[in-house]
PDB file of all heavy atoms in Angstrom:
ATOM      1  N   LEU A   1      10.784  -9.073   8.313  1.00  0.00           N
ATOM      2  CA  LEU A   1      10.471 -10.020   7.238  1.00  0.00           C
ATOM      3  C   LEU A   1      11.057  -9.605   5.896  1.00  0.00           C
ATOM      4  O   LEU A   1      11.304 -10.441   5.030  1.00  0.00           O
ATOM      5  CB  LEU A   1       8.942 -10.163   7.099  1.00  0.00           C
ATOM      6  CG  LEU A   1       8.206 -10.818   8.268  1.00  0.00           C
ATOM      7  CD1 LEU A   1       6.701 -10.815   7.999  1.00  0.00           C
ATOM      8  CD2 LEU A   1       8.695 -12.244   8.487  1.00  0.00           C
ATOM      9  N   GLY A   2      11.206  -8.307   5.704  1.00  0.00           N
ATOM     10  CA  GLY A   2      11.757  -7.831   4.442  1.00  0.00           C
ATOM     11  C   GLY A   2      10.733  -7.580   3.364  1.00  0.00           C
ATOM     12  O   GLY A   2      11.087  -7.271   2.232  1.00  0.00           O
ATOM     13  N   HIS A   3       9.440  -7.726   3.677  1.00  0.00           N
ATOM     14  CA  HIS A   3       8.400  -7.418   2.691  1.00  0.00           C
ATOM     15  C   HIS A   3       7.148  -6.916   3.400  1.00  0.00           C
ATOM     16  O   HIS A   3       6.886  -7.267   4.545  1.00  0.00           O
ATOM     17  CB  HIS A   3       8.051  -8.649   1.844  1.00  0.00           C
ATOM     18  CG  HIS A   3       7.551  -9.806   2.650  1.00  0.00           C
ATOM     19  ND1 HIS A   3       8.386 -10.806   3.086  1.00  0.00           N
ATOM     20  CD2 HIS A   3       6.304 -10.127   3.099  1.00  0.00           C
ATOM     21  CE1 HIS A   3       7.687 -11.698   3.771  1.00  0.00           C
ATOM     22  NE2 HIS A   3       6.423 -11.308   3.796  1.00  0.00           N
ATOM     23  N   SER A   4       6.392  -6.065   2.702  1.00  0.00           N
ATOM     24  CA  SER A   4       5.168  -5.504   3.258  1.00  0.00           C
ATOM     25  C   SER A   4       3.986  -6.414   2.957  1.00  0.00           C
ATOM     26  O   SER A   4       3.992  -7.153   1.964  1.00  0.00           O
ATOM     27  CB  SER A   4       4.898  -4.117   2.664  1.00  0.00           C
ATOM     28  OG  SER A   4       5.875  -3.196   3.079  1.00  0.00           O
ATOM     29  N   PRO A   5       2.951  -6.377   3.803  1.00  0.00           N
ATOM     30  CA  PRO A   5       1.757  -7.174   3.509  1.00  0.00           C
ATOM     31  C   PRO A   5       1.001  -6.600   2.322  1.00  0.00           C
ATOM     32  O   PRO A   5       0.997  -5.382   2.099  1.00  0.00           O
ATOM     33  CB  PRO A   5       0.942  -7.055   4.797  1.00  0.00           C
ATOM     34  CG  PRO A   5       1.369  -5.758   5.405  1.00  0.00           C
ATOM     35  CD  PRO A   5       2.831  -5.631   5.066  1.00  0.00           C
ATOM     36  N   ASP A   6       0.367  -7.471   1.568  1.00  0.00           N
ATOM     37  CA  ASP A   6      -0.493  -7.006   0.474  1.00  0.00           C
ATOM     38  C   ASP A   6      -1.838  -6.517   1.001  1.00  0.00           C
ATOM     39  O   ASP A   6      -2.507  -5.703   0.358  1.00  0.00           O
ATOM     40  CB  ASP A   6      -0.714  -8.147  -0.521  1.00  0.00           C
ATOM     41  CG  ASP A   6       0.586  -8.558  -1.187  1.00  0.00           C
ATOM     42  OD1 ASP A   6       1.016  -7.834  -2.104  1.00  0.00           O
ATOM     43  OD2 ASP A   6       1.179  -9.569  -0.782  1.00  0.00           O
ATOM     44  N   LEU A   7      -2.217  -7.024   2.185  1.00  0.00           N
ATOM     45  CA  LEU A   7      -3.452  -6.582   2.818  1.00  0.00           C
ATOM     46  C   LEU A   7      -3.348  -6.823   4.320  1.00  0.00           C
ATOM     47  O   LEU A   7      -2.894  -7.872   4.758  1.00  0.00           O
ATOM     48  CB  LEU A   7      -4.666  -7.353   2.274  1.00  0.00           C
ATOM     49  CG  LEU A   7      -6.028  -6.946   2.857  1.00  0.00           C
ATOM     50  CD1 LEU A   7      -6.481  -5.612   2.260  1.00  0.00           C
ATOM     51  CD2 LEU A   7      -7.082  -8.022   2.612  1.00  0.00           C
ATOM     52  N   VAL A   8      -3.768  -5.817   5.090  1.00  0.00           N
ATOM     53  CA  VAL A   8      -3.927  -5.980   6.531  1.00  0.00           C
ATOM     54  C   VAL A   8      -5.413  -6.176   6.812  1.00  0.00           C
ATOM     55  O   VAL A   8      -6.248  -5.380   6.379  1.00  0.00           O
ATOM     56  CB  VAL A   8      -3.400  -4.753   7.304  1.00  0.00           C
ATOM     57  CG1 VAL A   8      -3.676  -4.907   8.802  1.00  0.00           C
ATOM     58  CG2 VAL A   8      -1.922  -4.554   7.042  1.00  0.00           C
ATOM     59  N   PHE A   9      -5.731  -7.251   7.532  1.00  0.00           N
ATOM     60  CA  PHE A   9      -7.134  -7.525   7.876  1.00  0.00           C
ATOM     61  C   PHE A   9      -7.278  -7.479   9.393  1.00  0.00           C
ATOM     62  O   PHE A   9      -6.564  -8.177  10.120  1.00  0.00           O
ATOM     63  CB  PHE A   9      -7.571  -8.895   7.356  1.00  0.00           C
ATOM     64  CG  PHE A   9      -9.054  -9.136   7.500  1.00  0.00           C
ATOM     65  CD1 PHE A   9      -9.939  -8.721   6.508  1.00  0.00           C
ATOM     66  CD2 PHE A   9      -9.566  -9.761   8.633  1.00  0.00           C
ATOM     67  CE1 PHE A   9     -11.303  -8.929   6.647  1.00  0.00           C
ATOM     68  CE2 PHE A   9     -10.920  -9.976   8.770  1.00  0.00           C
ATOM     69  CZ  PHE A   9     -11.798  -9.557   7.786  1.00  0.00           C
ATOM     70  N   PHE A  10      -8.207  -6.626   9.857  1.00  0.00           N
ATOM     71  CA  PHE A  10      -8.482  -6.479  11.280  1.00  0.00           C
ATOM     72  C   PHE A  10      -9.688  -7.347  11.643  1.00  0.00           C
ATOM     73  O   PHE A  10     -10.827  -7.010  11.272  1.00  0.00           O
ATOM     74  CB  PHE A  10      -8.782  -5.026  11.630  1.00  0.00           C
ATOM     75  CG  PHE A  10      -7.628  -4.080  11.399  1.00  0.00           C
ATOM     76  CD1 PHE A  10      -7.563  -3.319  10.238  1.00  0.00           C
ATOM     77  CD2 PHE A  10      -6.613  -3.949  12.340  1.00  0.00           C
ATOM     78  CE1 PHE A  10      -6.513  -2.444  10.019  1.00  0.00           C
ATOM     79  CE2 PHE A  10      -5.554  -3.078  12.128  1.00  0.00           C
ATOM     80  CZ  PHE A  10      -5.505  -2.327  10.959  1.00  0.00           C
ATOM     81  N   PRO A  11      -9.496  -8.449  12.371  1.00  0.00           N
ATOM     82  CA  PRO A  11     -10.634  -9.288  12.759  1.00  0.00           C
ATOM     83  C   PRO A  11     -11.592  -8.605  13.730  1.00  0.00           C
ATOM     84  O   PRO A  11     -12.689  -9.111  13.964  1.00  0.00           O
ATOM     85  CB  PRO A  11      -9.979 -10.503  13.421  1.00  0.00           C
ATOM     86  CG  PRO A  11      -8.591 -10.538  12.868  1.00  0.00           C
ATOM     87  CD  PRO A  11      -8.225  -9.096  12.711  1.00  0.00           C
ATOM     88  N   TRP A  12     -11.172  -7.474  14.305  1.00  0.00           N
ATOM     89  CA  TRP A  12     -12.044  -6.687  15.195  1.00  0.00           C
ATOM     90  C   TRP A  12     -11.867  -5.228  14.799  1.00  0.00           C
ATOM     91  O   TRP A  12     -11.071  -4.492  15.359  1.00  0.00           O
ATOM     92  CB  TRP A  12     -11.677  -6.922  16.659  1.00  0.00           C
ATOM     93  CG  TRP A  12     -12.537  -6.200  17.650  1.00  0.00           C
ATOM     94  CD1 TRP A  12     -12.252  -5.021  18.276  1.00  0.00           C
ATOM     95  CD2 TRP A  12     -13.820  -6.599  18.151  1.00  0.00           C
ATOM     96  NE1 TRP A  12     -13.264  -4.662  19.127  1.00  0.00           N
ATOM     97  CE2 TRP A  12     -14.244  -5.612  19.079  1.00  0.00           C
ATOM     98  CE3 TRP A  12     -14.646  -7.692  17.904  1.00  0.00           C
ATOM     99  CZ2 TRP A  12     -15.463  -5.697  19.752  1.00  0.00           C
ATOM    100  CZ3 TRP A  12     -15.864  -7.770  18.574  1.00  0.00           C
ATOM    101  CH2 TRP A  12     -16.260  -6.792  19.482  1.00  0.00           C
ATOM    102  N   LEU A  13     -12.639  -4.799  13.802  1.00  0.00           N
ATOM    103  CA  LEU A  13     -12.472  -3.463  13.239  1.00  0.00           C
ATOM    104  C   LEU A  13     -13.086  -2.381  14.120  1.00  0.00           C
ATOM    105  O   LEU A  13     -12.767  -1.200  13.966  1.00  0.00           O
ATOM    106  CB  LEU A  13     -13.105  -3.424  11.839  1.00  0.00           C
ATOM    107  CG  LEU A  13     -12.866  -2.181  10.986  1.00  0.00           C
ATOM    108  CD1 LEU A  13     -11.385  -1.958  10.728  1.00  0.00           C
ATOM    109  CD2 LEU A  13     -13.615  -2.304   9.655  1.00  0.00           C
ATOM    110  N   ASP A  14     -13.930  -2.762  15.034  1.00  0.00           N
ATOM    111  CA  ASP A  14     -14.718  -1.806  15.815  1.00  0.00           C
ATOM    112  C   ASP A  14     -13.881  -0.695  16.444  1.00  0.00           C
ATOM    113  O   ASP A  14     -14.283   0.474  16.437  1.00  0.00           O
ATOM    114  CB  ASP A  14     -15.486  -2.533  16.918  1.00  0.00           C
ATOM    115  CG  ASP A  14     -16.441  -3.579  16.376  1.00  0.00           C
ATOM    116  OD1 ASP A  14     -16.030  -4.349  15.489  1.00  0.00           O
ATOM    117  OD2 ASP A  14     -17.596  -3.648  16.843  1.00  0.00           O
ATOM    118  N   ILE A  15     -12.723  -1.062  17.018  1.00  0.00           N
ATOM    119  CA  ILE A  15     -11.947  -0.073  17.766  1.00  0.00           C
ATOM    120  C   ILE A  15     -11.201   0.896  16.853  1.00  0.00           C
ATOM    121  O   ILE A  15     -10.584   1.849  17.339  1.00  0.00           O
ATOM    122  CB  ILE A  15     -10.946  -0.754  18.720  1.00  0.00           C
ATOM    123  CG1 ILE A  15     -10.014  -1.690  17.955  1.00  0.00           C
ATOM    124  CG2 ILE A  15     -11.667  -1.507  19.821  1.00  0.00           C
ATOM    125  CD1 ILE A  15      -8.933  -2.329  18.831  1.00  0.00           C
ATOM    126  N   TYR A  16     -11.277   0.691  15.539  1.00  0.00           N
ATOM    127  CA  TYR A  16     -10.574   1.569  14.599  1.00  0.00           C
ATOM    128  C   TYR A  16     -11.519   2.565  13.926  1.00  0.00           C
ATOM    129  O   TYR A  16     -11.074   3.372  13.105  1.00  0.00           O
ATOM    130  CB  TYR A  16      -9.861   0.732  13.532  1.00  0.00           C
ATOM    131  CG  TYR A  16      -8.838  -0.200  14.123  1.00  0.00           C
ATOM    132  CD1 TYR A  16      -9.173  -1.499  14.495  1.00  0.00           C
ATOM    133  CD2 TYR A  16      -7.532   0.225  14.343  1.00  0.00           C
ATOM    134  CE1 TYR A  16      -8.237  -2.355  15.058  1.00  0.00           C
ATOM    135  CE2 TYR A  16      -6.590  -0.616  14.910  1.00  0.00           C
ATOM    136  CZ  TYR A  16      -6.955  -1.904  15.269  1.00  0.00           C
ATOM    137  OH  TYR A  16      -6.035  -2.742  15.841  1.00  0.00           O
ATOM    138  N   LEU A  17     -12.785   2.517  14.254  1.00  0.00           N
ATOM    139  CA  LEU A  17     -13.781   3.371  13.608  1.00  0.00           C
ATOM    140  C   LEU A  17     -14.392   4.336  14.615  1.00  0.00           C
ATOM    141  O   LEU A  17     -14.587   4.002  15.776  1.00  0.00           O
ATOM    142  CB  LEU A  17     -14.894   2.520  12.976  1.00  0.00           C
ATOM    143  CG  LEU A  17     -14.459   1.465  11.951  1.00  0.00           C
ATOM    144  CD1 LEU A  17     -15.674   0.756  11.390  1.00  0.00           C
ATOM    145  CD2 LEU A  17     -13.637   2.089  10.828  1.00  0.00           C
ATOM    146  N   SER A  18     -14.694   5.537  14.147  1.00  0.00           N
ATOM    147  CA  SER A  18     -15.346   6.532  14.988  1.00  0.00           C
ATOM    148  C   SER A  18     -16.009   7.577  14.101  1.00  0.00           C
ATOM    149  O   SER A  18     -15.502   7.917  13.016  1.00  0.00           O
ATOM    150  CB  SER A  18     -14.336   7.212  15.910  1.00  0.00           C
ATOM    151  OG  SER A  18     -14.930   8.295  16.591  1.00  0.00           O
ATOM    152  N   GLU A  19     -17.132   8.117  14.577  1.00  0.00           N
ATOM    153  CA  GLU A  19     -17.869   9.104  13.786  1.00  0.00           C
ATOM    154  C   GLU A  19     -17.051  10.359  13.494  1.00  0.00           C
ATOM    155  O   GLU A  19     -17.226  11.000  12.465  1.00  0.00           O
ATOM    156  CB  GLU A  19     -19.163   9.514  14.517  1.00  0.00           C
ATOM    157  CG  GLU A  19     -20.235   8.449  14.528  1.00  0.00           C
ATOM    158  CD  GLU A  19     -20.077   7.481  15.691  1.00  0.00           C
ATOM    159  OE1 GLU A  19     -19.050   7.567  16.411  1.00  0.00           O
ATOM    160  OE2 GLU A  19     -20.967   6.636  15.888  1.00  0.00           O
ATOM    161  N   TYR A  20     -16.165  10.737  14.415  1.00  0.00           N
ATOM    162  CA  TYR A  20     -15.425  11.997  14.254  1.00  0.00           C
ATOM    163  C   TYR A  20     -14.023  11.805  13.667  1.00  0.00           C
ATOM    164  O   TYR A  20     -13.229  12.737  13.643  1.00  0.00           O
ATOM    165  CB  TYR A  20     -15.314  12.705  15.609  1.00  0.00           C
ATOM    166  CG  TYR A  20     -16.626  13.240  16.117  1.00  0.00           C
ATOM    167  CD1 TYR A  20     -17.418  12.477  16.958  1.00  0.00           C
ATOM    168  CD2 TYR A  20     -17.079  14.508  15.752  1.00  0.00           C
ATOM    169  CE1 TYR A  20     -18.634  12.951  17.434  1.00  0.00           C
ATOM    170  CE2 TYR A  20     -18.285  14.995  16.220  1.00  0.00           C
ATOM    171  CZ  TYR A  20     -19.059  14.213  17.061  1.00  0.00           C
ATOM    172  OH  TYR A  20     -20.260  14.689  17.524  1.00  0.00           O
ATOM    173  N   LEU A  21     -13.722  10.605  13.196  1.00  0.00           N
ATOM    174  CA  LEU A  21     -12.395  10.332  12.651  1.00  0.00           C
ATOM    175  C   LEU A  21     -12.461  10.288  11.129  1.00  0.00           C
ATOM    176  O   LEU A  21     -13.257   9.550  10.558  1.00  0.00           O
ATOM    177  CB  LEU A  21     -11.879   8.992  13.193  1.00  0.00           C
ATOM    178  CG  LEU A  21     -10.454   8.605  12.820  1.00  0.00           C
ATOM    179  CD1 LEU A  21      -9.461   9.615  13.387  1.00  0.00           C
ATOM    180  CD2 LEU A  21     -10.139   7.210  13.344  1.00  0.00           C
ATOM    181  N   THR A  22     -11.635  11.077  10.466  1.00  0.00           N
ATOM    182  CA  THR A  22     -11.635  11.115   9.010  1.00  0.00           C
ATOM    183  C   THR A  22     -10.498  10.265   8.451  1.00  0.00           C
ATOM    184  O   THR A  22      -9.481  10.031   9.115  1.00  0.00           O
ATOM    185  CB  THR A  22     -11.463  12.548   8.485  1.00  0.00           C
ATOM    186  OG1 THR A  22     -10.138  13.003   8.777  1.00  0.00           O
ATOM    187  CG2 THR A  22     -12.474  13.488   9.141  1.00  0.00           C
ATOM    188  N   TYR A  23     -10.673   9.836   7.216  1.00  0.00           N
ATOM    189  CA  TYR A  23      -9.661   8.974   6.608  1.00  0.00           C
ATOM    190  C   TYR A  23      -8.375   9.735   6.300  1.00  0.00           C
ATOM    191  O   TYR A  23      -7.308   9.130   6.169  1.00  0.00           O
ATOM    192  CB  TYR A  23     -10.216   8.311   5.347  1.00  0.00           C
ATOM    193  CG  TYR A  23     -10.341   9.206   4.147  1.00  0.00           C
ATOM    194  CD1 TYR A  23      -9.277   9.369   3.268  1.00  0.00           C
ATOM    195  CD2 TYR A  23     -11.535   9.871   3.868  1.00  0.00           C
ATOM    196  CE1 TYR A  23      -9.383  10.173   2.146  1.00  0.00           C
ATOM    197  CE2 TYR A  23     -11.650  10.670   2.743  1.00  0.00           C
ATOM    198  CZ  TYR A  23     -10.583  10.825   1.884  1.00  0.00           C
ATOM    199  OH  TYR A  23     -10.695  11.615   0.783  1.00  0.00           O
ATOM    200  N   HIS A  24      -8.437  11.059   6.191  1.00  0.00           N
ATOM    201  CA  HIS A  24      -7.233  11.823   5.881  1.00  0.00           C
ATOM    202  C   HIS A  24      -6.170  11.627   6.967  1.00  0.00           C
ATOM    203  O   HIS A  24      -4.977  11.435   6.672  1.00  0.00           O
ATOM    204  CB  HIS A  24      -7.578  13.308   5.763  1.00  0.00           C
ATOM    205  CG  HIS A  24      -8.660  13.605   4.774  1.00  0.00           C
ATOM    206  ND1 HIS A  24      -9.997  13.583   5.130  1.00  0.00           N
ATOM    207  CD2 HIS A  24      -8.621  13.896   3.454  1.00  0.00           C
ATOM    208  CE1 HIS A  24     -10.730  13.863   4.057  1.00  0.00           C
ATOM    209  NE2 HIS A  24      -9.915  14.048   3.031  1.00  0.00           N
ATOM    210  N   LEU A  25      -6.607  11.663   8.225  1.00  0.00           N
ATOM    211  CA  LEU A  25      -5.677  11.441   9.327  1.00  0.00           C
ATOM    212  C   LEU A  25      -5.154  10.004   9.325  1.00  0.00           C
ATOM    213  O   LEU A  25      -3.966   9.763   9.527  1.00  0.00           O
ATOM    214  CB  LEU A  25      -6.367  11.736  10.660  1.00  0.00           C
ATOM    215  CG  LEU A  25      -6.504  13.199  11.063  1.00  0.00           C
ATOM    216  CD1 LEU A  25      -7.368  13.316  12.310  1.00  0.00           C
ATOM    217  CD2 LEU A  25      -5.138  13.822  11.303  1.00  0.00           C
ATOM    218  N   VAL A  26      -6.049   9.064   9.109  1.00  0.00           N
ATOM    219  CA  VAL A  26      -5.668   7.653   9.134  1.00  0.00           C
ATOM    220  C   VAL A  26      -4.665   7.348   8.034  1.00  0.00           C
ATOM    221  O   VAL A  26      -3.697   6.604   8.237  1.00  0.00           O
ATOM    222  CB  VAL A  26      -6.911   6.756   9.010  1.00  0.00           C
ATOM    223  CG1 VAL A  26      -6.511   5.286   8.844  1.00  0.00           C
ATOM    224  CG2 VAL A  26      -7.799   6.912  10.235  1.00  0.00           C
ATOM    225  N   ASP A  27      -4.854   7.927   6.865  1.00  0.00           N
ATOM    226  CA  ASP A  27      -3.944   7.663   5.748  1.00  0.00           C
ATOM    227  C   ASP A  27      -2.518   8.132   6.040  1.00  0.00           C
ATOM    228  O   ASP A  27      -1.545   7.527   5.583  1.00  0.00           O
ATOM    229  CB  ASP A  27      -4.456   8.348   4.477  1.00  0.00           C
ATOM    230  CG  ASP A  27      -5.602   7.594   3.843  1.00  0.00           C
ATOM    231  OD1 ASP A  27      -5.899   6.475   4.304  1.00  0.00           O
ATOM    232  OD2 ASP A  27      -6.198   8.114   2.882  1.00  0.00           O
ATOM    233  N   ILE A  28      -2.405   9.224   6.790  1.00  0.00           N
ATOM    234  CA  ILE A  28      -1.082   9.722   7.156  1.00  0.00           C
ATOM    235  C   ILE A  28      -0.380   8.723   8.077  1.00  0.00           C
ATOM    236  O   ILE A  28       0.826   8.471   7.961  1.00  0.00           O
ATOM    237  CB  ILE A  28      -1.195  11.097   7.848  1.00  0.00           C
ATOM    238  CG1 ILE A  28      -1.732  12.142   6.857  1.00  0.00           C
ATOM    239  CG2 ILE A  28       0.153  11.532   8.420  1.00  0.00           C
ATOM    240  CD1 ILE A  28      -2.056  13.470   7.503  1.00  0.00           C
ATOM    241  N   ILE A  29      -1.156   8.120   8.982  1.00  0.00           N
ATOM    242  CA  ILE A  29      -0.601   7.224   9.994  1.00  0.00           C
ATOM    243  C   ILE A  29      -0.427   5.807   9.479  1.00  0.00           C
ATOM    244  O   ILE A  29       0.578   5.142   9.766  1.00  0.00           O
ATOM    245  CB  ILE A  29      -1.515   7.218  11.237  1.00  0.00           C
ATOM    246  CG1 ILE A  29      -1.521   8.596  11.883  1.00  0.00           C
ATOM    247  CG2 ILE A  29      -1.093   6.140  12.238  1.00  0.00           C
ATOM    248  CD1 ILE A  29      -2.553   8.744  12.979  1.00  0.00           C
ATOM    249  N   PHE A  30      -1.405   5.340   8.683  1.00  0.00           N
ATOM    250  CA  PHE A  30      -1.463   3.926   8.307  1.00  0.00           C
ATOM    251  C   PHE A  30      -1.388   3.794   6.786  1.00  0.00           C
ATOM    252  O   PHE A  30      -2.381   3.997   6.080  1.00  0.00           O
ATOM    253  CB  PHE A  30      -2.762   3.301   8.839  1.00  0.00           C
ATOM    254  CG  PHE A  30      -2.751   1.803   8.844  1.00  0.00           C
ATOM    255  CD1 PHE A  30      -2.182   1.111   9.904  1.00  0.00           C
ATOM    256  CD2 PHE A  30      -3.305   1.077   7.800  1.00  0.00           C
ATOM    257  CE1 PHE A  30      -2.170  -0.280   9.929  1.00  0.00           C
ATOM    258  CE2 PHE A  30      -3.294  -0.297   7.805  1.00  0.00           C
ATOM    259  CZ  PHE A  30      -2.727  -0.978   8.871  1.00  0.00           C
ATOM    260  N   PRO A  31      -0.229   3.432   6.229  1.00  0.00           N
ATOM    261  CA  PRO A  31      -0.037   3.453   4.772  1.00  0.00           C
ATOM    262  C   PRO A  31      -0.365   2.140   4.063  1.00  0.00           C
ATOM    263  O   PRO A  31      -0.110   2.011   2.864  1.00  0.00           O
ATOM    264  CB  PRO A  31       1.453   3.757   4.652  1.00  0.00           C
ATOM    265  CG  PRO A  31       2.056   3.084   5.839  1.00  0.00           C
ATOM    266  CD  PRO A  31       1.039   3.207   6.943  1.00  0.00           C
ATOM    267  N   TYR A  32      -0.928   1.162   4.781  1.00  0.00           N
ATOM    268  CA  TYR A  32      -1.123  -0.169   4.202  1.00  0.00           C
ATOM    269  C   TYR A  32      -2.566  -0.351   3.704  1.00  0.00           C
ATOM    270  O   TYR A  32      -3.510   0.235   4.242  1.00  0.00           O
ATOM    271  CB  TYR A  32      -0.819  -1.256   5.240  1.00  0.00           C
ATOM    272  CG  TYR A  32       0.541  -1.129   5.862  1.00  0.00           C
ATOM    273  CD1 TYR A  32       0.697  -0.570   7.131  1.00  0.00           C
ATOM    274  CD2 TYR A  32       1.678  -1.555   5.182  1.00  0.00           C
ATOM    275  CE1 TYR A  32       1.950  -0.451   7.708  1.00  0.00           C
ATOM    276  CE2 TYR A  32       2.936  -1.437   5.756  1.00  0.00           C
ATOM    277  CZ  TYR A  32       3.066  -0.871   7.014  1.00  0.00           C
ATOM    278  OH  TYR A  32       4.305  -0.742   7.582  1.00  0.00           O
TER     279      TYR A  32
END
C-alpha cells in the first residue's frame, strides 16, 4: 500500500494476551 496504518484494531484480542507475556517483548515484534 505504501503507507502504515494509524491504528491496528484486533476484533478478537484474546489470543494476543497472556499472564506471562510482557509488553517489552511485544514491542520488539509489533511496532504499530
